[in-house]
Amino acid sequence: MTDRLKLDPDLVPAHTTAATTSIARWVEQHYGIQVQHCHLIRRGLNDNYALRSIDGKHYVVRLYSIRPRGEFNVSFEVSLLVHLDAHGVGVAAPVQTANGCTHVPLQFPEGPRAMALFQHAEGSLPDSLEDFELTGKVLAHIHRVAHDYAGPPSRYTLNGHHLAGQTLEYLRVYPDLDTELLETYHQRVAQLLDELGQVESELTRVVCHGDTHGFNNHVGTDAAGARRAVFFDFDDAGPGFLAYDLSVLPWSYLTRKVLKEPDALLLDRWAHYLCGYRSGGGEISKADMAALPMFVQLRHLWNMGEGIGRLHHWGTSTMPADWLKKQVDVLAAWKGLDLPT
């Protein structure tokens, strides 16, 4: 029995999924919170767990996965959220450890990972047009308040290299990728980065949430009976372009529905989203609006990079070679994307 339990010396762990019992023990140890229940929500870019304490409070535990982009950005993320929460912005506030730290460093078989604890965002995903208007309004509030953030800096900036340049690096090591297709992607990325370089001095810069696709915020009713939007999952946040943060919502809808141009529902949601952003004090320039088709494409390339960069964890079935070929036509169609102002 002892010999059978020994690890094979050739075993190299790529990604470990922690048991909920481990998560509960770590939360009790590092946060001083007694846990009643814990379960895994999903394994994605990170591993997320739902947690309920014995006093009935609900939390979300994020166990950060090792990403190809580099070190964890958790100190910036948590500090930004503390700043936003202190100014009344609707965000899922972080919970500091018992000794006042932003996160817990943990040693896993595949390498060091980080764990952070957040309050649960009550409500449900935006669905009605009013929900999307409120979502846009709170996003404007995030951008305005984050302008005065002065905490730990972000480890990365949401620039052209971050959004598309890194994706090329991941494509180059994709198994059996056609040389012609790789060259096509190289040319498309070069064109987009050149296009960005020509207009970036005219674009509005903000601290981006980075992943505002409509599934990272909940809309609900607070204790006073008012409708309220709450944003979470700021792990892709960083300084970048307003047009990029705005583009993620239509990109998400177009991608999920496999559309090359907006349908009536997207146009309605988009109109209310922009209306809410402006009513929340957000200003969108003509240059920002003109850059939206470019950023929808850059977002798509960023998302591809996130998937391809995790072949060791997710495998090629997430983004197979045939799918990668089809995206060339999708990107070409989005060049002429019409998103009304």
Foldseek 3Di string as FASTA:
>chain_A
DVVVPDDDPPDQDPDDDDDQVVVQVVCCVWAVFAWDDKDWPDCDQWTKMWTAGPVGFIKIKTKHDDFPVDDFQQQVVLLLLVQLVVVPQFAFHWGATPVGHQWDWDADSNGIIIMTMTGDADAAFDDDLLSLLQLLLSQLSSFVSSVPDDDDAGPDAPALCLLAVLLLVLVVPQPPADPVLSVLSVVVSVVLNVVCVVQVVVFDKTFALQAPQRHQKGWDADPVRDIHIHGYDSRRTHIDTPLLNLLNNVLNVCVVVVHLEDDPVSLSSSVSSVNSNVVSVHDGDPSSVLCSLSSSLSNVNSVSSRVSSSCVPPNCVVPPSVNSVVVSVSNVSSVPYDRDD
